[in-house]
Amino acid sequence: MFHNIVYTFCPTTSYTHYIISFKKGDCTKWIKNSKNNKEEIQLRHRCTQLSSEGKTVTEIHQELNRTRAWVYKWLERAESGGKEWYL
């Protein structure tokens, strides 16, 4: 059915996208990965861990390869104390 999958991170949306190239024709498709997949949830927890270790937002966004806005978003959600802040 398809012959190539390429994963790429979009810094604007903080989503990892993948491209599927089909064998017949020029059909290429961008599809968002689930926002709540296991790797993404682990990154959110790592973000709060790095913050609690004293890392700055700049250091965290560079280490996790996410935007500063992404870091602020998840730190604020974690601080809100919601039961499932990471979703």
PDB file of N, CA and C in Angstrom:
ATOM      1  N   MET A   1       0.817  -1.198   0.000  1.00  0.00           N
ATOM      2  CA  MET A   1       0.000   0.000   0.000  1.00  0.00           C
ATOM      3  C   MET A   1       0.857   1.258   0.000  1.00  0.00           C
ATOM      4  N   PHE A   2       1.746   1.456   0.966  1.00  0.00           N
ATOM      5  CA  PHE A   2       2.626   2.614   0.959  1.00  0.00           C
ATOM      6  C   PHE A   2       4.056   2.136   1.098  1.00  0.00           C
ATOM      7  N   HIS A   3       4.985   2.981   0.739  1.00  0.00           N
ATOM      8  CA  HIS A   3       6.380   2.548   0.774  1.00  0.00           C
ATOM      9  C   HIS A   3       7.285   3.409   1.642  1.00  0.00           C
ATOM     10  N   ASN A   4       6.784   4.497   2.181  1.00  0.00           N
ATOM     11  CA  ASN A   4       7.673   5.365   2.934  1.00  0.00           C
ATOM     12  C   ASN A   4       6.901   6.141   3.995  1.00  0.00           C
ATOM     13  N   ILE A   5       7.426   6.143   5.210  1.00  0.00           N
ATOM     14  CA  ILE A   5       6.856   6.969   6.270  1.00  0.00           C
ATOM     15  C   ILE A   5       7.997   7.820   6.828  1.00  0.00           C
ATOM     16  N   VAL A   6       7.789   9.109   6.870  1.00  0.00           N
ATOM     17  CA  VAL A   6       8.799  10.032   7.396  1.00  0.00           C
ATOM     18  C   VAL A   6       8.177  10.807   8.542  1.00  0.00           C
ATOM     19  N   TYR A   7       8.814  10.775   9.710  1.00  0.00           N
ATOM     20  CA  TYR A   7       8.328  11.517  10.864  1.00  0.00           C
ATOM     21  C   TYR A   7       9.038  12.862  10.910  1.00  0.00           C
ATOM     22  N   THR A   8       8.297  13.898  11.211  1.00  0.00           N
ATOM     23  CA  THR A   8       8.879  15.234  11.309  1.00  0.00           C
ATOM     24  C   THR A   8       8.140  16.046  12.363  1.00  0.00           C
ATOM     25  N   PHE A   9       8.878  16.831  13.118  1.00  0.00           N
ATOM     26  CA  PHE A   9       8.313  17.661  14.184  1.00  0.00           C
ATOM     27  C   PHE A   9       8.012  19.044  13.637  1.00  0.00           C
ATOM     28  N   CYS A  10       6.807  19.544  13.905  1.00  0.00           N
ATOM     29  CA  CYS A  10       6.414  20.881  13.481  1.00  0.00           C
ATOM     30  C   CYS A  10       6.483  21.810  14.690  1.00  0.00           C
ATOM     31  N   PRO A  11       7.466  22.717  14.755  1.00  0.00           N
ATOM     32  CA  PRO A  11       7.608  23.590  15.922  1.00  0.00           C
ATOM     33  C   PRO A  11       6.459  24.568  16.103  1.00  0.00           C
ATOM     34  N   THR A  12       5.717  24.854  15.046  1.00  0.00           N
ATOM     35  CA  THR A  12       4.596  25.780  15.140  1.00  0.00           C
ATOM     36  C   THR A  12       3.440  25.179  15.926  1.00  0.00           C
ATOM     37  N   THR A  13       3.138  23.907  15.662  1.00  0.00           N
ATOM     38  CA  THR A  13       1.992  23.265  16.301  1.00  0.00           C
ATOM     39  C   THR A  13       2.372  22.333  17.439  1.00  0.00           C
ATOM     40  N   SER A  14       3.655  22.032  17.582  1.00  0.00           N
ATOM     41  CA  SER A  14       4.160  21.079  18.580  1.00  0.00           C
ATOM     42  C   SER A  14       3.629  19.668  18.354  1.00  0.00           C
ATOM     43  N   TYR A  15       3.325  19.349  17.128  1.00  0.00           N
ATOM     44  CA  TYR A  15       2.887  18.005  16.790  1.00  0.00           C
ATOM     45  C   TYR A  15       3.958  17.315  15.975  1.00  0.00           C
ATOM     46  N   THR A  16       4.054  16.028  16.151  1.00  0.00           N
ATOM     47  CA  THR A  16       4.866  15.236  15.258  1.00  0.00           C
ATOM     48  C   THR A  16       3.947  14.764  14.141  1.00  0.00           C
ATOM     49  N   HIS A  17       4.342  15.027  12.920  1.00  0.00           N
ATOM     50  CA  HIS A  17       3.548  14.632  11.769  1.00  0.00           C
ATOM     51  C   HIS A  17       4.265  13.498  11.058  1.00  0.00           C
ATOM     52  N   TYR A  18       3.525  12.738  10.325  1.00  0.00           N
ATOM     53  CA  TYR A  18       4.193  11.792   9.466  1.00  0.00           C
ATOM     54  C   TYR A  18       3.621  11.859   8.068  1.00  0.00           C
ATOM     55  N   ILE A  19       4.492  11.610   7.126  1.00  0.00           N
ATOM     56  CA  ILE A  19       4.125  11.657   5.720  1.00  0.00           C
ATOM     57  C   ILE A  19       4.082  10.220   5.223  1.00  0.00           C
ATOM     58  N   ILE A  20       3.013   9.880   4.558  1.00  0.00           N
ATOM     59  CA  ILE A  20       2.917   8.565   3.929  1.00  0.00           C
ATOM     60  C   ILE A  20       2.972   8.794   2.426  1.00  0.00           C
ATOM     61  N   SER A  21       3.949   8.202   1.790  1.00  0.00           N
ATOM     62  CA  SER A  21       4.057   8.303   0.342  1.00  0.00           C
ATOM     63  C   SER A  21       3.545   7.004  -0.259  1.00  0.00           C
ATOM     64  N   PHE A  22       2.566   7.099  -1.123  1.00  0.00           N
ATOM     65  CA  PHE A  22       1.986   5.925  -1.741  1.00  0.00           C
ATOM     66  C   PHE A  22       2.746   5.562  -3.013  1.00  0.00           C
ATOM     67  N   LYS A  23       2.728   4.298  -3.356  1.00  0.00           N
ATOM     68  CA  LYS A  23       3.454   3.824  -4.536  1.00  0.00           C
ATOM     69  C   LYS A  23       2.885   4.380  -5.829  1.00  0.00           C
ATOM     70  N   LYS A  24       1.582   4.469  -5.932  1.00  0.00           N
ATOM     71  CA  LYS A  24       0.961   4.954  -7.160  1.00  0.00           C
ATOM     72  C   LYS A  24       0.560   6.420  -7.010  1.00  0.00           C
ATOM     73  N   GLY A  25       0.976   7.237  -7.919  1.00  0.00           N
ATOM     74  CA  GLY A  25       0.595   8.647  -7.905  1.00  0.00           C
ATOM     75  C   GLY A  25       1.440   9.475  -6.951  1.00  0.00           C
ATOM     76  N   ASP A  26       1.052  10.720  -6.793  1.00  0.00           N
ATOM     77  CA  ASP A  26       1.769  11.674  -5.957  1.00  0.00           C
ATOM     78  C   ASP A  26       1.110  11.871  -4.606  1.00  0.00           C
ATOM     79  N   CYS A  27       0.286  10.972  -4.192  1.00  0.00           N
ATOM     80  CA  CYS A  27      -0.502  11.181  -2.978  1.00  0.00           C
ATOM     81  C   CYS A  27       0.387  11.190  -1.733  1.00  0.00           C
ATOM     82  N   THR A  28       0.447  12.303  -1.059  1.00  0.00           N
ATOM     83  CA  THR A  28       1.180  12.427   0.194  1.00  0.00           C
ATOM     84  C   THR A  28       0.218  12.973   1.231  1.00  0.00           C
ATOM     85  N   LYS A  29       0.278  12.449   2.418  1.00  0.00           N
ATOM     86  CA  LYS A  29      -0.703  12.794   3.435  1.00  0.00           C
ATOM     87  C   LYS A  29       0.006  13.192   4.730  1.00  0.00           C
ATOM     88  N   TRP A  30      -0.401  14.302   5.305  1.00  0.00           N
ATOM     89  CA  TRP A  30       0.083  14.702   6.631  1.00  0.00           C
ATOM     90  C   TRP A  30      -0.999  14.332   7.633  1.00  0.00           C
ATOM     91  N   ILE A  31      -0.619  13.617   8.652  1.00  0.00           N
ATOM     92  CA  ILE A  31      -1.586  13.212   9.668  1.00  0.00           C
ATOM     93  C   ILE A  31      -1.001  13.523  11.037  1.00  0.00           C
ATOM     94  N   LYS A  32      -1.791  14.135  11.901  1.00  0.00           N
ATOM     95  CA  LYS A  32      -1.354  14.433  13.263  1.00  0.00           C
ATOM     96  C   LYS A  32      -1.326  13.158  14.086  1.00  0.00           C
ATOM     97  N   ASN A  33      -0.272  12.985  14.830  1.00  0.00           N
ATOM     98  CA  ASN A  33      -0.263  11.891  15.798  1.00  0.00           C
ATOM     99  C   ASN A  33      -1.219  12.247  16.916  1.00  0.00           C
ATOM    100  N   SER A  34      -1.655  11.263  17.618  1.00  0.00           N
ATOM    101  CA  SER A  34      -2.534  11.495  18.755  1.00  0.00           C
ATOM    102  C   SER A  34      -1.837  12.404  19.756  1.00  0.00           C
ATOM    103  N   LYS A  35      -2.557  13.401  20.241  1.00  0.00           N
ATOM    104  CA  LYS A  35      -1.990  14.315  21.232  1.00  0.00           C
ATOM    105  C   LYS A  35      -1.768  13.615  22.567  1.00  0.00           C
ATOM    106  N   ASN A  36      -2.424  12.474  22.747  1.00  0.00           N
ATOM    107  CA  ASN A  36      -2.331  11.781  24.032  1.00  0.00           C
ATOM    108  C   ASN A  36      -1.631  10.429  23.914  1.00  0.00           C
ATOM    109  N   ASN A  37      -0.727  10.303  22.946  1.00  0.00           N
ATOM    110  CA  ASN A  37      -0.007   9.045  22.858  1.00  0.00           C
ATOM    111  C   ASN A  37       1.014   8.951  23.988  1.00  0.00           C
ATOM    112  N   LYS A  38       1.518   7.777  24.214  1.00  0.00           N
ATOM    113  CA  LYS A  38       2.396   7.505  25.353  1.00  0.00           C
ATOM    114  C   LYS A  38       3.638   8.400  25.368  1.00  0.00           C
ATOM    115  N   GLU A  39       4.273   8.580  24.216  1.00  0.00           N
ATOM    116  CA  GLU A  39       5.494   9.391  24.152  1.00  0.00           C
ATOM    117  C   GLU A  39       5.213  10.852  24.500  1.00  0.00           C
ATOM    118  N   GLU A  40       4.090  11.353  24.028  1.00  0.00           N
ATOM    119  CA  GLU A  40       3.739  12.752  24.294  1.00  0.00           C
ATOM    120  C   GLU A  40       3.459  12.969  25.776  1.00  0.00           C
ATOM    121  N   ILE A  41       2.769  12.028  26.398  1.00  0.00           N
ATOM    122  CA  ILE A  41       2.490  12.126  27.836  1.00  0.00           C
ATOM    123  C   ILE A  41       3.784  12.054  28.636  1.00  0.00           C
ATOM    124  N   GLN A  42       4.717  11.201  28.210  1.00  0.00           N
ATOM    125  CA  GLN A  42       6.012  11.112  28.884  1.00  0.00           C
ATOM    126  C   GLN A  42       6.775  12.430  28.770  1.00  0.00           C
ATOM    127  N   LEU A  43       6.693  13.090  27.616  1.00  0.00           N
ATOM    128  CA  LEU A  43       7.350  14.386  27.446  1.00  0.00           C
ATOM    129  C   LEU A  43       6.756  15.432  28.384  1.00  0.00           C
ATOM    130  N   ARG A  44       5.440  15.398  28.584  1.00  0.00           N
ATOM    131  CA  ARG A  44       4.790  16.358  29.483  1.00  0.00           C
ATOM    132  C   ARG A  44       5.270  16.156  30.920  1.00  0.00           C
ATOM    133  N   HIS A  45       5.377  14.906  31.325  1.00  0.00           N
ATOM    134  CA  HIS A  45       5.888  14.625  32.672  1.00  0.00           C
ATOM    135  C   HIS A  45       7.362  15.019  32.791  1.00  0.00           C
ATOM    136  N   ARG A  46       8.138  14.757  31.751  1.00  0.00           N
ATOM    137  CA  ARG A  46       9.552  15.138  31.752  1.00  0.00           C
ATOM    138  C   ARG A  46       9.688  16.659  31.845  1.00  0.00           C
ATOM    139  N   CYS A  47       8.806  17.373  31.182  1.00  0.00           N
ATOM    140  CA  CYS A  47       8.795  18.831  31.222  1.00  0.00           C
ATOM    141  C   CYS A  47       8.666  19.318  32.664  1.00  0.00           C
ATOM    142  N   THR A  48       7.715  18.765  33.404  1.00  0.00           N
ATOM    143  CA  THR A  48       7.519  19.200  34.796  1.00  0.00           C
ATOM    144  C   THR A  48       8.679  18.754  35.674  1.00  0.00           C
ATOM    145  N   GLN A  49       9.248  17.589  35.370  1.00  0.00           N
ATOM    146  CA  GLN A  49      10.404  17.113  36.135  1.00  0.00           C
ATOM    147  C   GLN A  49      11.592  18.056  35.952  1.00  0.00           C
ATOM    148  N   LEU A  50      11.868  18.441  34.716  1.00  0.00           N
ATOM    149  CA  LEU A  50      12.979  19.359  34.441  1.00  0.00           C
ATOM    150  C   LEU A  50      12.766  20.699  35.132  1.00  0.00           C
ATOM    151  N   SER A  51      11.522  21.170  35.136  1.00  0.00           N
ATOM    152  CA  SER A  51      11.211  22.424  35.810  1.00  0.00           C
ATOM    153  C   SER A  51      11.464  22.314  37.310  1.00  0.00           C
ATOM    154  N   SER A  52      11.064  21.204  37.893  1.00  0.00           N
ATOM    155  CA  SER A  52      11.277  21.023  39.338  1.00  0.00           C
ATOM    156  C   SER A  52      12.760  20.867  39.681  1.00  0.00           C
ATOM    157  N   GLU A  53      13.562  20.493  38.685  1.00  0.00           N
ATOM    158  CA  GLU A  53      15.013  20.404  38.876  1.00  0.00           C
ATOM    159  C   GLU A  53      15.696  21.753  38.698  1.00  0.00           C
ATOM    160  N   GLY A  54      14.896  22.784  38.395  1.00  0.00           N
ATOM    161  CA  GLY A  54      15.435  24.132  38.278  1.00  0.00           C
ATOM    162  C   GLY A  54      15.794  24.574  36.875  1.00  0.00           C
ATOM    163  N   LYS A  55      15.456  23.775  35.883  1.00  0.00           N
ATOM    164  CA  LYS A  55      15.746  24.164  34.502  1.00  0.00           C
ATOM    165  C   LYS A  55      14.823  25.301  34.085  1.00  0.00           C
ATOM    166  N   THR A  56      15.320  26.179  33.224  1.00  0.00           N
ATOM    167  CA  THR A  56      14.508  27.283  32.715  1.00  0.00           C
ATOM    168  C   THR A  56      13.637  26.797  31.561  1.00  0.00           C
ATOM    169  N   VAL A  57      12.646  27.603  31.209  1.00  0.00           N
ATOM    170  CA  VAL A  57      11.766  27.270  30.088  1.00  0.00           C
ATOM    171  C   VAL A  57      12.586  27.102  28.811  1.00  0.00           C
ATOM    172  N   THR A  58      13.555  27.968  28.606  1.00  0.00           N
ATOM    173  CA  THR A  58      14.414  27.882  27.424  1.00  0.00           C
ATOM    174  C   THR A  58      15.175  26.567  27.402  1.00  0.00           C
ATOM    175  N   GLU A  59      15.738  26.181  28.523  1.00  0.00           N
ATOM    176  CA  GLU A  59      16.479  24.913  28.584  1.00  0.00           C
ATOM    177  C   GLU A  59      15.558  23.718  28.324  1.00  0.00           C
ATOM    178  N   ILE A  60      14.350  23.781  28.879  1.00  0.00           N
ATOM    179  CA  ILE A  60      13.395  22.678  28.714  1.00  0.00           C
ATOM    180  C   ILE A  60      12.959  22.559  27.254  1.00  0.00           C
ATOM    181  N   HIS A  61      12.592  23.675  26.637  1.00  0.00           N
ATOM    182  CA  HIS A  61      12.104  23.605  25.252  1.00  0.00           C
ATOM    183  C   HIS A  61      13.206  23.125  24.313  1.00  0.00           C
ATOM    184  N   GLN A  62      14.445  23.493  24.593  1.00  0.00           N
ATOM    185  CA  GLN A  62      15.546  23.031  23.753  1.00  0.00           C
ATOM    186  C   GLN A  62      15.808  21.539  23.963  1.00  0.00           C
ATOM    187  N   GLU A  63      15.776  21.094  25.194  1.00  0.00           N
ATOM    188  CA  GLU A  63      16.037  19.683  25.483  1.00  0.00           C
ATOM    189  C   GLU A  63      14.943  18.762  24.935  1.00  0.00           C
ATOM    190  N   LEU A  64      13.684  19.202  25.026  1.00  0.00           N
ATOM    191  CA  LEU A  64      12.566  18.367  24.594  1.00  0.00           C
ATOM    192  C   LEU A  64      12.168  18.596  23.139  1.00  0.00           C
ATOM    193  N   ASN A  65      12.809  19.570  22.496  1.00  0.00           N
ATOM    194  CA  ASN A  65      12.497  19.908  21.110  1.00  0.00           C
ATOM    195  C   ASN A  65      11.025  20.289  20.942  1.00  0.00           C
ATOM    196  N   ARG A  66      10.562  21.141  21.838  1.00  0.00           N
ATOM    197  CA  ARG A  66       9.203  21.673  21.805  1.00  0.00           C
ATOM    198  C   ARG A  66       9.298  23.194  21.871  1.00  0.00           C
ATOM    199  N   THR A  67       8.201  23.869  21.617  1.00  0.00           N
ATOM    200  CA  THR A  67       8.205  25.332  21.665  1.00  0.00           C
ATOM    201  C   THR A  67       8.114  25.811  23.111  1.00  0.00           C
ATOM    202  N   ARG A  68       8.494  27.065  23.315  1.00  0.00           N
ATOM    203  CA  ARG A  68       8.364  27.658  24.649  1.00  0.00           C
ATOM    204  C   ARG A  68       6.898  27.689  25.071  1.00  0.00           C
ATOM    205  N   ALA A  69       6.011  27.975  24.104  1.00  0.00           N
ATOM    206  CA  ALA A  69       4.570  27.990  24.402  1.00  0.00           C
ATOM    207  C   ALA A  69       4.105  26.624  24.895  1.00  0.00           C
ATOM    208  N   TRP A  70       4.616  25.557  24.296  1.00  0.00           N
ATOM    209  CA  TRP A  70       4.272  24.189  24.722  1.00  0.00           C
ATOM    210  C   TRP A  70       4.695  23.971  26.171  1.00  0.00           C
ATOM    211  N   VAL A  71       5.907  24.403  26.502  1.00  0.00           N
ATOM    212  CA  VAL A  71       6.424  24.239  27.872  1.00  0.00           C
ATOM    213  C   VAL A  71       5.550  25.004  28.858  1.00  0.00           C
ATOM    214  N   TYR A  72       5.257  26.264  28.564  1.00  0.00           N
ATOM    215  CA  TYR A  72       4.399  27.058  29.454  1.00  0.00           C
ATOM    216  C   TYR A  72       3.029  26.412  29.618  1.00  0.00           C
ATOM    217  N   LYS A  73       2.460  25.930  28.525  1.00  0.00           N
ATOM    218  CA  LYS A  73       1.140  25.303  28.563  1.00  0.00           C
ATOM    219  C   LYS A  73       1.121  24.128  29.545  1.00  0.00           C
ATOM    220  N   TRP A  74       2.107  23.238  29.446  1.00  0.00           N
ATOM    221  CA  TRP A  74       2.079  22.036  30.281  1.00  0.00           C
ATOM    222  C   TRP A  74       2.517  22.314  31.712  1.00  0.00           C
ATOM    223  N   LEU A  75       3.369  23.304  31.925  1.00  0.00           N
ATOM    224  CA  LEU A  75       3.712  23.674  33.300  1.00  0.00           C
ATOM    225  C   LEU A  75       2.499  24.282  33.998  1.00  0.00           C
ATOM    226  N   GLU A  76       1.746  25.122  33.285  1.00  0.00           N
ATOM    227  CA  GLU A  76       0.529  25.715  33.865  1.00  0.00           C
ATOM    228  C   GLU A  76      -0.510  24.648  34.174  1.00  0.00           C
ATOM    229  N   ARG A  77      -0.673  23.694  33.262  1.00  0.00           N
ATOM    230  CA  ARG A  77      -1.651  22.623  33.512  1.00  0.00           C
ATOM    231  C   ARG A  77      -1.232  21.762  34.703  1.00  0.00           C
ATOM    232  N   ALA A  78       0.053  21.488  34.826  1.00  0.00           N
ATOM    233  CA  ALA A  78       0.532  20.684  35.951  1.00  0.00           C
ATOM    234  C   ALA A  78       0.310  21.420  37.267  1.00  0.00           C
ATOM    235  N   GLU A  79       0.568  22.733  37.261  1.00  0.00           N
ATOM    236  CA  GLU A  79       0.389  23.536  38.468  1.00  0.00           C
ATOM    237  C   GLU A  79      -1.075  23.686  38.857  1.00  0.00           C
ATOM    238  N   SER A  80      -1.979  23.498  37.904  1.00  0.00           N
ATOM    239  CA  SER A  80      -3.409  23.612  38.199  1.00  0.00           C
ATOM    240  C   SER A  80      -3.874  22.522  39.152  1.00  0.00           C
ATOM    241  N   GLY A  81      -3.116  21.432  39.231  1.00  0.00           N
ATOM    242  CA  GLY A  81      -3.448  20.364  40.165  1.00  0.00           C
ATOM    243  C   GLY A  81      -4.554  19.455  39.709  1.00  0.00           C
ATOM    244  N   GLY A  82      -4.988  19.580  38.462  1.00  0.00           N
ATOM    245  CA  GLY A  82      -6.025  18.703  37.951  1.00  0.00           C
ATOM    246  C   GLY A  82      -5.588  17.257  37.964  1.00  0.00           C
ATOM    247  N   LYS A  83      -6.544  16.366  38.173  1.00  0.00           N
ATOM    248  CA  LYS A  83      -6.241  14.933  38.302  1.00  0.00           C
ATOM    249  C   LYS A  83      -5.538  14.394  37.048  1.00  0.00           C
ATOM    250  N   GLU A  84      -5.998  14.786  35.886  1.00  0.00           N
ATOM    251  CA  GLU A  84      -5.410  14.306  34.637  1.00  0.00           C
ATOM    252  C   GLU A  84      -4.892  15.488  33.818  1.00  0.00           C
ATOM    253  N   TRP A  85      -4.050  16.326  34.427  1.00  0.00           N
ATOM    254  CA  TRP A  85      -3.533  17.526  33.803  1.00  0.00           C
ATOM    255  C   TRP A  85      -2.764  17.227  32.517  1.00  0.00           C
ATOM    256  N   TYR A  86      -2.180  16.062  32.407  1.00  0.00           N
ATOM    257  CA  TYR A  86      -1.311  15.693  31.301  1.00  0.00           C
ATOM    258  C   TYR A  86      -2.071  15.262  30.046  1.00  0.00           C
ATOM    259  N   LEU A  87      -3.391  15.205  30.106  1.00  0.00           N
ATOM    260  CA  LEU A  87      -4.185  14.801  28.923  1.00  0.00           C
ATOM    261  C   LEU A  87      -4.665  15.985  28.124  1.00  0.00           C
TER     262      LEU A  87
END
